[in-house]
Structure formats: C-alpha cells, structure tokens
C-alpha cells in the first residue's frame, strides 16, 4: 500500500470519527443525562464524556444496542 493510500485511509478514519463525535454530541445534548444544559451550563459541558464515548465506540470490535447502552451507563453513572 502506498503512502498516499495509507494517508487517504487515515484521513477517512478522521472524518468518520468527527462525524461520530457529532452524532454522539447531538444525542447526549438532546438527552442532557445529568441536566447540566437545562441549568444553563455551556454547550461544551459534556465534551470529556462525548470524547470518551466516541473513543470507546471506535475501538469496540462488535457493537450492539446492549454494548452502546453499557458504554453510556458506564460514562454517566
């Protein structure tokens, strides 16, 4: 595999991770699991948790509803 092909795959993975981050952010912000946004906290209040969730989703080999629920539960409880 050439350097250009490898770079393209890495760039594609970066784009996919950023898109996943945005989806996770939208879901977390919508549900506001700790109620921080409804209290008027900044919209980046959940950034560490969103990064952690995104990382776990990206590194989990097989995803299922139960695994996603476990990741969310582990993050917020």
C-alpha atoms as a PDB file:
ATOM      1  CA  UNK A   1       0.000   0.000   0.000  1.00  0.00           C
ATOM      2  CA  UNK A   2       1.378   3.359  -0.956  1.00  0.00           C
ATOM      3  CA  UNK A   3       1.830   6.291   1.412  1.00  0.00           C
ATOM      4  CA  UNK A   4      -0.955   8.133  -0.413  1.00  0.00           C
ATOM      5  CA  UNK A   5      -3.377   5.215   0.072  1.00  0.00           C
ATOM      6  CA  UNK A   6      -2.481   4.964   3.765  1.00  0.00           C
ATOM      7  CA  UNK A   7      -2.881   8.723   4.229  1.00  0.00           C
ATOM      8  CA  UNK A   8      -6.261   8.592   2.496  1.00  0.00           C
ATOM      9  CA  UNK A   9      -7.492   5.824   4.791  1.00  0.00           C
ATOM     10  CA  UNK A  10      -6.291   7.697   7.877  1.00  0.00           C
ATOM     11  CA  UNK A  11      -7.962  10.889   6.683  1.00  0.00           C
ATOM     12  CA  UNK A  12     -11.157   8.937   6.067  1.00  0.00           C
ATOM     13  CA  UNK A  13     -10.981   7.499   9.574  1.00  0.00           C
ATOM     14  CA  UNK A  14     -10.560  11.017  10.979  1.00  0.00           C
ATOM     15  CA  UNK A  15     -13.630  12.213   9.096  1.00  0.00           C
ATOM     16  CA  UNK A  16     -15.642   9.219  10.309  1.00  0.00           C
ATOM     17  CA  UNK A  17     -14.548   9.836  13.909  1.00  0.00           C
ATOM     18  CA  UNK A  18     -15.504  13.530  13.704  1.00  0.00           C
ATOM     19  CA  UNK A  19     -18.885  12.600  12.256  1.00  0.00           C
ATOM     20  CA  UNK A  20     -19.417  10.023  15.003  1.00  0.00           C
ATOM     21  CA  UNK A  21     -18.411  12.623  17.598  1.00  0.00           C
ATOM     22  CA  UNK A  22     -21.066  14.999  16.224  1.00  0.00           C
ATOM     23  CA  UNK A  23     -23.750  12.298  16.359  1.00  0.00           C
ATOM     24  CA  UNK A  24     -22.809  11.372  19.930  1.00  0.00           C
ATOM     25  CA  UNK A  25     -22.821  15.074  20.899  1.00  0.00           C
ATOM     26  CA  UNK A  26     -26.287  15.579  19.416  1.00  0.00           C
ATOM     27  CA  UNK A  27     -27.660  12.563  21.296  1.00  0.00           C
ATOM     28  CA  UNK A  28     -26.015  13.433  24.612  1.00  0.00           C
ATOM     29  CA  UNK A  29     -27.020  17.090  24.378  1.00  0.00           C
ATOM     30  CA  UNK A  30     -30.582  16.132  23.463  1.00  0.00           C
ATOM     31  CA  UNK A  31     -30.975  13.821  26.456  1.00  0.00           C
ATOM     32  CA  UNK A  32     -28.863  16.004  28.781  1.00  0.00           C
ATOM     33  CA  UNK A  33     -28.264  12.988  31.072  1.00  0.00           C
ATOM     34  CA  UNK A  34     -27.167  14.982  34.132  1.00  0.00           C
ATOM     35  CA  UNK A  35     -29.347  18.020  33.457  1.00  0.00           C
ATOM     36  CA  UNK A  36     -26.435  20.414  33.073  1.00  0.00           C
ATOM     37  CA  UNK A  37     -27.546  22.046  29.836  1.00  0.00           C
ATOM     38  CA  UNK A  38     -31.010  22.692  31.219  1.00  0.00           C
ATOM     39  CA  UNK A  39     -29.309  24.522  34.102  1.00  0.00           C
ATOM     40  CA  UNK A  40     -27.636  26.855  31.614  1.00  0.00           C
ATOM     41  CA  UNK A  41     -24.168  25.295  31.531  1.00  0.00           C
ATOM     42  CA  UNK A  42     -22.084  25.855  28.360  1.00  0.00           C
ATOM     43  CA  UNK A  43     -22.890  23.621  25.391  1.00  0.00           C
ATOM     44  CA  UNK A  44     -19.438  22.014  25.646  1.00  0.00           C
ATOM     45  CA  UNK A  45     -20.109  20.792  29.195  1.00  0.00           C
ATOM     46  CA  UNK A  46     -20.239  17.126  28.142  1.00  0.00           C
ATOM     47  CA  UNK A  47     -17.138  17.249  25.899  1.00  0.00           C
ATOM     48  CA  UNK A  48     -14.985  14.866  28.030  1.00  0.00           C
ATOM     49  CA  UNK A  49     -17.791  12.313  28.187  1.00  0.00           C
ATOM     50  CA  UNK A  50     -18.547  12.633  24.478  1.00  0.00           C
ATOM     51  CA  UNK A  51     -14.865  12.099  23.642  1.00  0.00           C
ATOM     52  CA  UNK A  52     -14.762   9.030  25.908  1.00  0.00           C
ATOM     53  CA  UNK A  53     -17.907   7.564  24.346  1.00  0.00           C
ATOM     54  CA  UNK A  54     -16.655   8.238  20.806  1.00  0.00           C
ATOM     55  CA  UNK A  55     -13.307   6.599  21.600  1.00  0.00           C
ATOM     56  CA  UNK A  56     -14.985   3.507  23.025  1.00  0.00           C
ATOM     57  CA  UNK A  57     -17.361   3.220  20.078  1.00  0.00           C
ATOM     58  CA  UNK A  58     -14.431   3.481  17.657  1.00  0.00           C
ATOM     59  CA  UNK A  59     -12.373   0.834  19.422  1.00  0.00           C
ATOM     60  CA  UNK A  60     -15.113  -1.693  20.162  1.00  0.00           C
ATOM     61  CA  UNK A  61     -14.920  -4.514  17.635  1.00  0.00           C
ATOM     62  CA  UNK A  62     -18.574  -5.515  17.695  1.00  0.00           C
ATOM     63  CA  UNK A  63     -21.318  -3.069  18.558  1.00  0.00           C
ATOM     64  CA  UNK A  64     -24.803  -3.923  19.685  1.00  0.00           C
ATOM     65  CA  UNK A  65     -27.527  -1.985  21.423  1.00  0.00           C
ATOM     66  CA  UNK A  66     -26.501  -3.592  24.712  1.00  0.00           C
ATOM     67  CA  UNK A  67     -22.868  -2.578  24.298  1.00  0.00           C
ATOM     68  CA  UNK A  68     -23.799   1.018  23.427  1.00  0.00           C
ATOM     69  CA  UNK A  69     -26.101   1.136  26.462  1.00  0.00           C
ATOM     70  CA  UNK A  70     -23.284  -0.207  28.647  1.00  0.00           C
ATOM     71  CA  UNK A  71     -20.870   2.433  27.344  1.00  0.00           C
ATOM     72  CA  UNK A  72     -23.383   5.204  28.077  1.00  0.00           C
ATOM     73  CA  UNK A  73     -24.195   3.796  31.504  1.00  0.00           C
ATOM     74  CA  UNK A  74     -20.507   3.435  32.389  1.00  0.00           C
ATOM     75  CA  UNK A  75     -19.896   7.026  31.307  1.00  0.00           C
ATOM     76  CA  UNK A  76     -22.714   8.725  33.169  1.00  0.00           C
ATOM     77  CA  UNK A  77     -23.475   6.554  36.217  1.00  0.00           C
END
